[in-house]
Amino acid sequence: MVLRPNAPHVYTVNMDSRQSIIQCALHELESKGLSGFSLRAVGVAAGLSAMAIYRHFKNKEDLLRAVGEEAFAAYRQRVANIPEGPIEEWLRLVGREYVKFALDDPGRFDACFVLKTQAERIYPQDFRAGKSPVISLMAKKIEAAQATGQLNSGNALEIALLLWAQLHGLAMLHRSGRFSLNRNAFLALCDRAIELIIRGLTCIPTQPSARTRRQLR
């Protein structure tokens, strides 16, 4: 009888388990933040041992990166579901969807736009390279509208960042308890903020006075 050496055990990656780990990691981030995040806690929540998690992810940083990418994919899908239409209406809907993402899915929102998961996009290099699909899409639509005279001229990427920053600030203030508004009232406030920006993009621009220019230097 010929004795054969034992073949090495090959672990197969169960995608259901991988997705379960990512979902539990999102919950841990939402409830404990990055400072309280650990593979052990994620494993307990997922009903898996630490060794089982390492079959899917090299380390905590690898898991955080996967969480960030999954969160970005969820947000991109929200934006992809917005119907095509006039640029002003499209910007209104994109802006409202961003705020709803912050309110409805705070774990993924934080993984996208608050926490350092190694999946975050950094300005300006990642944005200029098109690594932020939503901002890149917004900038392209703004450029197209500028070319046809629908919007005033200006740096399209910076205009997209302005809209993003305005809504991000409002969303973070709301989440930190700085507004005593219910959901509908807060969304209406954000709608008005978006409207002010759009109005500035569509009205006839005026030049700042000499005094203002001196103050801005």
C-alpha atoms as a PDB file:
ATOM      1  CA  MET A   1       0.000   0.000   0.000  1.00  0.00           C
ATOM      2  CA  VAL A   2       1.342   3.398  -0.962  1.00  0.00           C
ATOM      3  CA  LEU A   3       0.957   6.038   1.678  1.00  0.00           C
ATOM      4  CA  ARG A   4       0.203   9.480   0.317  1.00  0.00           C
ATOM      5  CA  PRO A   5       0.962  12.608   2.277  1.00  0.00           C
ATOM      6  CA  ASN A   6      -2.061  14.445   3.502  1.00  0.00           C
ATOM      7  CA  ALA A   7      -3.131  17.075   0.990  1.00  0.00           C
ATOM      8  CA  PRO A   8      -3.109  20.622   2.376  1.00  0.00           C
ATOM      9  CA  HIS A   9      -6.512  21.838   3.458  1.00  0.00           C
ATOM     10  CA  VAL A  10      -7.843  24.494   1.103  1.00  0.00           C
ATOM     11  CA  TYR A  11     -10.322  26.957   2.554  1.00  0.00           C
ATOM     12  CA  THR A  12     -13.002  28.118   0.200  1.00  0.00           C
ATOM     13  CA  VAL A  13     -14.386  31.627   0.516  1.00  0.00           C
ATOM     14  CA  ASN A  14     -18.072  31.578   1.288  1.00  0.00           C
ATOM     15  CA  MET A  15     -19.409  34.809  -0.163  1.00  0.00           C
ATOM     16  CA  ASP A  16     -22.440  34.669   2.141  1.00  0.00           C
ATOM     17  CA  SER A  17     -20.097  34.615   5.150  1.00  0.00           C
ATOM     18  CA  ARG A  18     -18.018  37.439   3.679  1.00  0.00           C
ATOM     19  CA  GLN A  19     -21.095  39.604   3.177  1.00  0.00           C
ATOM     20  CA  SER A  20     -22.323  38.739   6.665  1.00  0.00           C
ATOM     21  CA  ILE A  21     -18.998  39.904   8.104  1.00  0.00           C
ATOM     22  CA  ILE A  22     -19.238  43.190   6.187  1.00  0.00           C
ATOM     23  CA  GLN A  23     -22.792  43.765   7.420  1.00  0.00           C
ATOM     24  CA  CYS A  24     -21.777  43.070  11.021  1.00  0.00           C
ATOM     25  CA  ALA A  25     -18.766  45.357  10.613  1.00  0.00           C
ATOM     26  CA  LEU A  26     -21.071  48.142   9.428  1.00  0.00           C
ATOM     27  CA  HIS A  27     -23.248  47.643  12.493  1.00  0.00           C
ATOM     28  CA  GLU A  28     -20.200  47.731  14.774  1.00  0.00           C
ATOM     29  CA  LEU A  29     -18.986  50.952  13.175  1.00  0.00           C
ATOM     30  CA  GLU A  30     -22.416  52.533  13.527  1.00  0.00           C
ATOM     31  CA  SER A  31     -22.783  51.570  17.195  1.00  0.00           C
ATOM     32  CA  LYS A  32     -19.188  51.885  18.463  1.00  0.00           C
ATOM     33  CA  GLY A  33     -17.323  54.007  15.952  1.00  0.00           C
ATOM     34  CA  LEU A  34     -13.836  53.383  14.644  1.00  0.00           C
ATOM     35  CA  SER A  35     -12.223  53.547  18.099  1.00  0.00           C
ATOM     36  CA  GLY A  36     -14.317  50.614  19.356  1.00  0.00           C
ATOM     37  CA  PHE A  37     -14.040  48.581  16.171  1.00  0.00           C
ATOM     38  CA  SER A  38     -12.299  45.189  16.401  1.00  0.00           C
ATOM     39  CA  LEU A  39     -12.245  41.914  14.496  1.00  0.00           C
ATOM     40  CA  ARG A  40     -13.154  40.078  17.693  1.00  0.00           C
ATOM     41  CA  ALA A  41     -16.351  42.118  18.137  1.00  0.00           C
ATOM     42  CA  VAL A  42     -17.260  41.650  14.476  1.00  0.00           C
ATOM     43  CA  GLY A  43     -16.670  37.907  14.815  1.00  0.00           C
ATOM     44  CA  VAL A  44     -18.933  37.679  17.851  1.00  0.00           C
ATOM     45  CA  ALA A  45     -21.669  39.601  16.021  1.00  0.00           C
ATOM     46  CA  ALA A  46     -21.313  37.371  12.957  1.00  0.00           C
ATOM     47  CA  GLY A  47     -21.107  34.162  14.990  1.00  0.00           C
ATOM     48  CA  LEU A  48     -17.651  33.419  13.599  1.00  0.00           C
ATOM     49  CA  SER A  49     -14.250  32.866  15.120  1.00  0.00           C
ATOM     50  CA  ALA A  50     -11.401  35.285  14.497  1.00  0.00           C
ATOM     51  CA  MET A  51      -9.730  32.588  12.375  1.00  0.00           C
ATOM     52  CA  ALA A  52     -12.831  32.366  10.191  1.00  0.00           C
ATOM     53  CA  ILE A  53     -12.712  36.115   9.587  1.00  0.00           C
ATOM     54  CA  TYR A  54      -9.048  35.893   8.586  1.00  0.00           C
ATOM     55  CA  ARG A  55     -10.045  33.487   5.815  1.00  0.00           C
ATOM     56  CA  HIS A  56     -11.877  36.401   4.208  1.00  0.00           C
ATOM     57  CA  PHE A  57      -9.820  39.424   5.279  1.00  0.00           C
ATOM     58  CA  LYS A  58      -6.098  39.805   5.924  1.00  0.00           C
ATOM     59  CA  ASN A  59      -6.515  42.165   8.873  1.00  0.00           C
ATOM     60  CA  LYS A  60      -8.726  44.896  10.309  1.00  0.00           C
ATOM     61  CA  GLU A  61      -7.590  47.394   7.679  1.00  0.00           C
ATOM     62  CA  ASP A  62      -8.540  44.988   4.891  1.00  0.00           C
ATOM     63  CA  LEU A  63     -12.018  44.574   6.391  1.00  0.00           C
ATOM     64  CA  LEU A  64     -12.450  48.331   6.799  1.00  0.00           C
ATOM     65  CA  ARG A  65     -11.486  48.853   3.162  1.00  0.00           C
ATOM     66  CA  ALA A  66     -14.077  46.277   2.071  1.00  0.00           C
ATOM     67  CA  VAL A  67     -16.696  47.975   4.239  1.00  0.00           C
ATOM     68  CA  GLY A  68     -15.867  51.326   2.652  1.00  0.00           C
ATOM     69  CA  GLU A  69     -16.104  49.966  -0.877  1.00  0.00           C
ATOM     70  CA  GLU A  70     -19.420  48.251  -0.119  1.00  0.00           C
ATOM     71  CA  ALA A  71     -20.765  51.488   1.321  1.00  0.00           C
ATOM     72  CA  PHE A  72     -19.684  53.472  -1.744  1.00  0.00           C
ATOM     73  CA  ALA A  73     -21.365  50.895  -3.991  1.00  0.00           C
ATOM     74  CA  ALA A  74     -24.617  51.318  -2.043  1.00  0.00           C
ATOM     75  CA  TYR A  75     -24.474  55.093  -2.422  1.00  0.00           C
ATOM     76  CA  ARG A  76     -23.641  54.884  -6.136  1.00  0.00           C
ATOM     77  CA  GLN A  77     -26.711  52.697  -6.619  1.00  0.00           C
ATOM     78  CA  ARG A  78     -28.893  55.305  -4.932  1.00  0.00           C
ATOM     79  CA  VAL A  79     -27.613  57.946  -7.343  1.00  0.00           C
ATOM     80  CA  ALA A  80     -27.934  55.598 -10.330  1.00  0.00           C
ATOM     81  CA  ASN A  81     -31.642  55.215  -9.528  1.00  0.00           C
ATOM     82  CA  ILE A  82     -32.229  58.953  -9.954  1.00  0.00           C
ATOM     83  CA  PRO A  83     -33.982  59.571 -13.298  1.00  0.00           C
ATOM     84  CA  GLU A  84     -32.390  61.733 -15.958  1.00  0.00           C
ATOM     85  CA  GLY A  85     -33.789  65.214 -16.356  1.00  0.00           C
ATOM     86  CA  PRO A  86     -32.923  68.914 -16.448  1.00  0.00           C
ATOM     87  CA  ILE A  87     -29.695  69.661 -14.600  1.00  0.00           C
ATOM     88  CA  GLU A  88     -31.406  71.760 -11.911  1.00  0.00           C
ATOM     89  CA  GLU A  89     -33.859  68.967 -11.076  1.00  0.00           C
ATOM     90  CA  TRP A  90     -31.139  66.314 -11.159  1.00  0.00           C
ATOM     91  CA  LEU A  91     -28.997  68.316  -8.713  1.00  0.00           C
ATOM     92  CA  ARG A  92     -31.980  68.714  -6.388  1.00  0.00           C
ATOM     93  CA  LEU A  93     -32.598  64.967  -6.372  1.00  0.00           C
ATOM     94  CA  VAL A  94     -28.923  64.081  -5.912  1.00  0.00           C
ATOM     95  CA  GLY A  95     -28.653  66.497  -3.011  1.00  0.00           C
ATOM     96  CA  ARG A  96     -31.734  65.139  -1.295  1.00  0.00           C
ATOM     97  CA  GLU A  97     -30.533  61.557  -1.814  1.00  0.00           C
ATOM     98  CA  TYR A  98     -27.260  62.398  -0.073  1.00  0.00           C
ATOM     99  CA  VAL A  99     -29.080  63.718   2.982  1.00  0.00           C
ATOM    100  CA  LYS A 100     -31.440  60.728   3.033  1.00  0.00           C
ATOM    101  CA  PHE A 101     -28.414  58.428   2.861  1.00  0.00           C
ATOM    102  CA  ALA A 102     -27.028  60.124   5.989  1.00  0.00           C
ATOM    103  CA  LEU A 103     -30.347  59.771   7.821  1.00  0.00           C
ATOM    104  CA  ASP A 104     -31.391  56.303   6.657  1.00  0.00           C
ATOM    105  CA  ASP A 105     -28.078  54.459   6.514  1.00  0.00           C
ATOM    106  CA  PRO A 106     -25.664  56.153   8.952  1.00  0.00           C
ATOM    107  CA  GLY A 107     -23.272  53.194   9.103  1.00  0.00           C
ATOM    108  CA  ARG A 108     -22.633  53.202   5.370  1.00  0.00           C
ATOM    109  CA  PHE A 109     -22.687  56.999   5.256  1.00  0.00           C
ATOM    110  CA  ASP A 110     -19.913  57.148   7.849  1.00  0.00           C
ATOM    111  CA  ALA A 111     -17.932  54.461   6.025  1.00  0.00           C
ATOM    112  CA  CYS A 112     -18.136  56.608   2.885  1.00  0.00           C
ATOM    113  CA  PHE A 113     -17.756  60.149   4.138  1.00  0.00           C
ATOM    114  CA  VAL A 114     -16.599  60.251   7.768  1.00  0.00           C
ATOM    115  CA  LEU A 115     -14.315  57.371   8.750  1.00  0.00           C
ATOM    116  CA  LYS A 116     -10.859  56.508   7.447  1.00  0.00           C
ATOM    117  CA  THR A 117     -11.379  53.091   5.879  1.00  0.00           C
ATOM    118  CA  GLN A 118      -8.663  53.336   3.192  1.00  0.00           C
ATOM    119  CA  ALA A 119     -11.507  53.465   0.666  1.00  0.00           C
ATOM    120  CA  GLU A 120     -12.140  57.188   1.080  1.00  0.00           C
ATOM    121  CA  ARG A 121     -11.489  59.532  -1.838  1.00  0.00           C
ATOM    122  CA  ILE A 122      -9.000  62.355  -1.302  1.00  0.00           C
ATOM    123  CA  TYR A 123      -9.236  65.789  -2.931  1.00  0.00           C
ATOM    124  CA  PRO A 124      -7.886  66.785  -5.362  1.00  0.00           C
ATOM    125  CA  GLN A 125      -5.996  63.786  -6.752  1.00  0.00           C
ATOM    126  CA  ASP A 126      -8.708  61.112  -6.491  1.00  0.00           C
ATOM    127  CA  PHE A 127     -11.410  63.450  -7.756  1.00  0.00           C
ATOM    128  CA  ARG A 128      -9.380  64.623 -10.737  1.00  0.00           C
ATOM    129  CA  ALA A 129      -8.598  60.990 -11.534  1.00  0.00           C
ATOM    130  CA  GLY A 130     -12.317  60.167 -11.577  1.00  0.00           C
ATOM    131  CA  LYS A 131     -12.133  57.835  -8.560  1.00  0.00           C
ATOM    132  CA  SER A 132     -15.222  59.435  -7.024  1.00  0.00           C
ATOM    133  CA  PRO A 133     -17.930  58.268  -9.449  1.00  0.00           C
ATOM    134  CA  VAL A 134     -20.742  60.422  -8.043  1.00  0.00           C
ATOM    135  CA  ILE A 135     -18.759  63.670  -7.852  1.00  0.00           C
ATOM    136  CA  SER A 136     -17.237  62.946 -11.270  1.00  0.00           C
ATOM    137  CA  LEU A 137     -20.706  62.378 -12.728  1.00  0.00           C
ATOM    138  CA  MET A 138     -21.961  65.576 -11.121  1.00  0.00           C
ATOM    139  CA  ALA A 139     -19.016  67.562 -12.487  1.00  0.00           C
ATOM    140  CA  LYS A 140     -19.574  66.165 -15.997  1.00  0.00           C
ATOM    141  CA  LYS A 141     -23.259  67.074 -15.921  1.00  0.00           C
ATOM    142  CA  ILE A 142     -22.418  70.567 -14.676  1.00  0.00           C
ATOM    143  CA  GLU A 143     -19.844  71.005 -17.455  1.00  0.00           C
ATOM    144  CA  ALA A 144     -22.380  69.871 -20.063  1.00  0.00           C
ATOM    145  CA  ALA A 145     -24.956  72.337 -18.719  1.00  0.00           C
ATOM    146  CA  GLN A 146     -22.372  75.122 -18.741  1.00  0.00           C
ATOM    147  CA  ALA A 147     -21.534  74.356 -22.369  1.00  0.00           C
ATOM    148  CA  THR A 148     -25.179  74.855 -23.362  1.00  0.00           C
ATOM    149  CA  GLY A 149     -25.628  77.980 -21.241  1.00  0.00           C
ATOM    150  CA  GLN A 150     -27.906  76.370 -18.648  1.00  0.00           C
ATOM    151  CA  LEU A 151     -25.460  77.073 -15.824  1.00  0.00           C
ATOM    152  CA  ASN A 152     -22.925  79.817 -15.267  1.00  0.00           C
ATOM    153  CA  SER A 153     -19.297  79.128 -16.039  1.00  0.00           C
ATOM    154  CA  GLY A 154     -16.929  78.031 -13.306  1.00  0.00           C
ATOM    155  CA  ASN A 155     -14.852  75.083 -12.157  1.00  0.00           C
ATOM    156  CA  ALA A 156     -17.345  72.214 -12.367  1.00  0.00           C
ATOM    157  CA  LEU A 157     -15.494  70.039  -9.868  1.00  0.00           C
ATOM    158  CA  GLU A 158     -15.378  72.835  -7.302  1.00  0.00           C
ATOM    159  CA  ILE A 159     -19.084  73.530  -7.817  1.00  0.00           C
ATOM    160  CA  ALA A 160     -19.839  69.843  -7.164  1.00  0.00           C
ATOM    161  CA  LEU A 161     -17.681  69.964  -4.028  1.00  0.00           C
ATOM    162  CA  LEU A 162     -19.521  73.081  -2.830  1.00  0.00           C
ATOM    163  CA  LEU A 163     -22.882  71.334  -3.095  1.00  0.00           C
ATOM    164  CA  TRP A 164     -21.502  68.231  -1.364  1.00  0.00           C
ATOM    165  CA  ALA A 165     -19.872  70.223   1.456  1.00  0.00           C
ATOM    166  CA  GLN A 166     -23.024  72.255   2.102  1.00  0.00           C
ATOM    167  CA  LEU A 167     -25.200  69.178   2.491  1.00  0.00           C
ATOM    168  CA  HIS A 168     -22.574  67.213   4.392  1.00  0.00           C
ATOM    169  CA  GLY A 169     -22.310  70.000   6.938  1.00  0.00           C
ATOM    170  CA  LEU A 170     -26.072  70.139   7.417  1.00  0.00           C
ATOM    171  CA  ALA A 171     -26.309  66.351   7.730  1.00  0.00           C
ATOM    172  CA  MET A 172     -23.551  66.196  10.347  1.00  0.00           C
ATOM    173  CA  LEU A 173     -25.066  69.069  12.341  1.00  0.00           C
ATOM    174  CA  HIS A 174     -28.421  67.299  12.325  1.00  0.00           C
ATOM    175  CA  ARG A 175     -26.905  64.012  13.463  1.00  0.00           C
ATOM    176  CA  SER A 176     -25.088  65.743  16.314  1.00  0.00           C
ATOM    177  CA  GLY A 177     -28.387  67.123  17.636  1.00  0.00           C
ATOM    178  CA  ARG A 178     -28.014  70.734  16.515  1.00  0.00           C
ATOM    179  CA  PHE A 179     -31.493  70.852  14.947  1.00  0.00           C
ATOM    180  CA  SER A 180     -34.821  70.407  16.728  1.00  0.00           C
ATOM    181  CA  LEU A 181     -36.514  69.548  13.431  1.00  0.00           C
ATOM    182  CA  ASN A 182     -38.329  66.393  12.455  1.00  0.00           C
ATOM    183  CA  ARG A 183     -37.226  64.491   9.375  1.00  0.00           C
ATOM    184  CA  ASN A 184     -39.520  66.231   6.897  1.00  0.00           C
ATOM    185  CA  ALA A 185     -38.693  69.697   8.208  1.00  0.00           C
ATOM    186  CA  PHE A 186     -34.970  68.980   8.023  1.00  0.00           C
ATOM    187  CA  LEU A 187     -35.233  67.631   4.468  1.00  0.00           C
ATOM    188  CA  ALA A 188     -37.158  70.766   3.501  1.00  0.00           C
ATOM    189  CA  LEU A 189     -34.362  72.904   4.972  1.00  0.00           C
ATOM    190  CA  CYS A 190     -31.796  70.981   2.912  1.00  0.00           C
ATOM    191  CA  ASP A 191     -33.949  71.421  -0.192  1.00  0.00           C
ATOM    192  CA  ARG A 192     -33.872  75.180   0.347  1.00  0.00           C
ATOM    193  CA  ALA A 193     -30.088  75.095   0.759  1.00  0.00           C
ATOM    194  CA  ILE A 194     -29.771  73.235  -2.546  1.00  0.00           C
ATOM    195  CA  GLU A 195     -32.099  75.759  -4.167  1.00  0.00           C
ATOM    196  CA  LEU A 196     -29.901  78.658  -3.069  1.00  0.00           C
ATOM    197  CA  ILE A 197     -26.861  77.049  -4.688  1.00  0.00           C
ATOM    198  CA  ILE A 198     -28.755  76.288  -7.906  1.00  0.00           C
ATOM    199  CA  ARG A 199     -30.059  79.847  -7.992  1.00  0.00           C
ATOM    200  CA  GLY A 200     -26.488  81.089  -7.784  1.00  0.00           C
ATOM    201  CA  LEU A 201     -25.513  78.828 -10.674  1.00  0.00           C
ATOM    202  CA  THR A 202     -28.300  80.034 -12.940  1.00  0.00           C
ATOM    203  CA  CYS A 203     -28.477  83.768 -12.221  1.00  0.00           C
ATOM    204  CA  ILE A 204     -26.355  86.410 -13.933  1.00  0.00           C
ATOM    205  CA  PRO A 205     -23.100  86.577 -11.957  1.00  0.00           C
ATOM    206  CA  THR A 206     -21.991  89.914 -10.543  1.00  0.00           C
ATOM    207  CA  GLN A 207     -18.444  91.076  -9.956  1.00  0.00           C
ATOM    208  CA  PRO A 208     -17.379  91.793  -6.351  1.00  0.00           C
ATOM    209  CA  SER A 209     -16.703  95.415  -5.523  1.00  0.00           C
ATOM    210  CA  ALA A 210     -13.158  96.738  -5.249  1.00  0.00           C
ATOM    211  CA  ARG A 211     -13.564  96.879  -1.466  1.00  0.00           C
ATOM    212  CA  THR A 212     -14.649  93.231  -1.325  1.00  0.00           C
ATOM    213  CA  ARG A 213     -11.754  92.173  -3.546  1.00  0.00           C
ATOM    214  CA  ARG A 214      -9.327  93.901  -1.175  1.00  0.00           C
ATOM    215  CA  GLN A 215     -10.875  92.110   1.813  1.00  0.00           C
ATOM    216  CA  LEU A 216     -10.560  88.744   0.075  1.00  0.00           C
ATOM    217  CA  ARG A 217      -6.833  89.141  -0.539  1.00  0.00           C
END
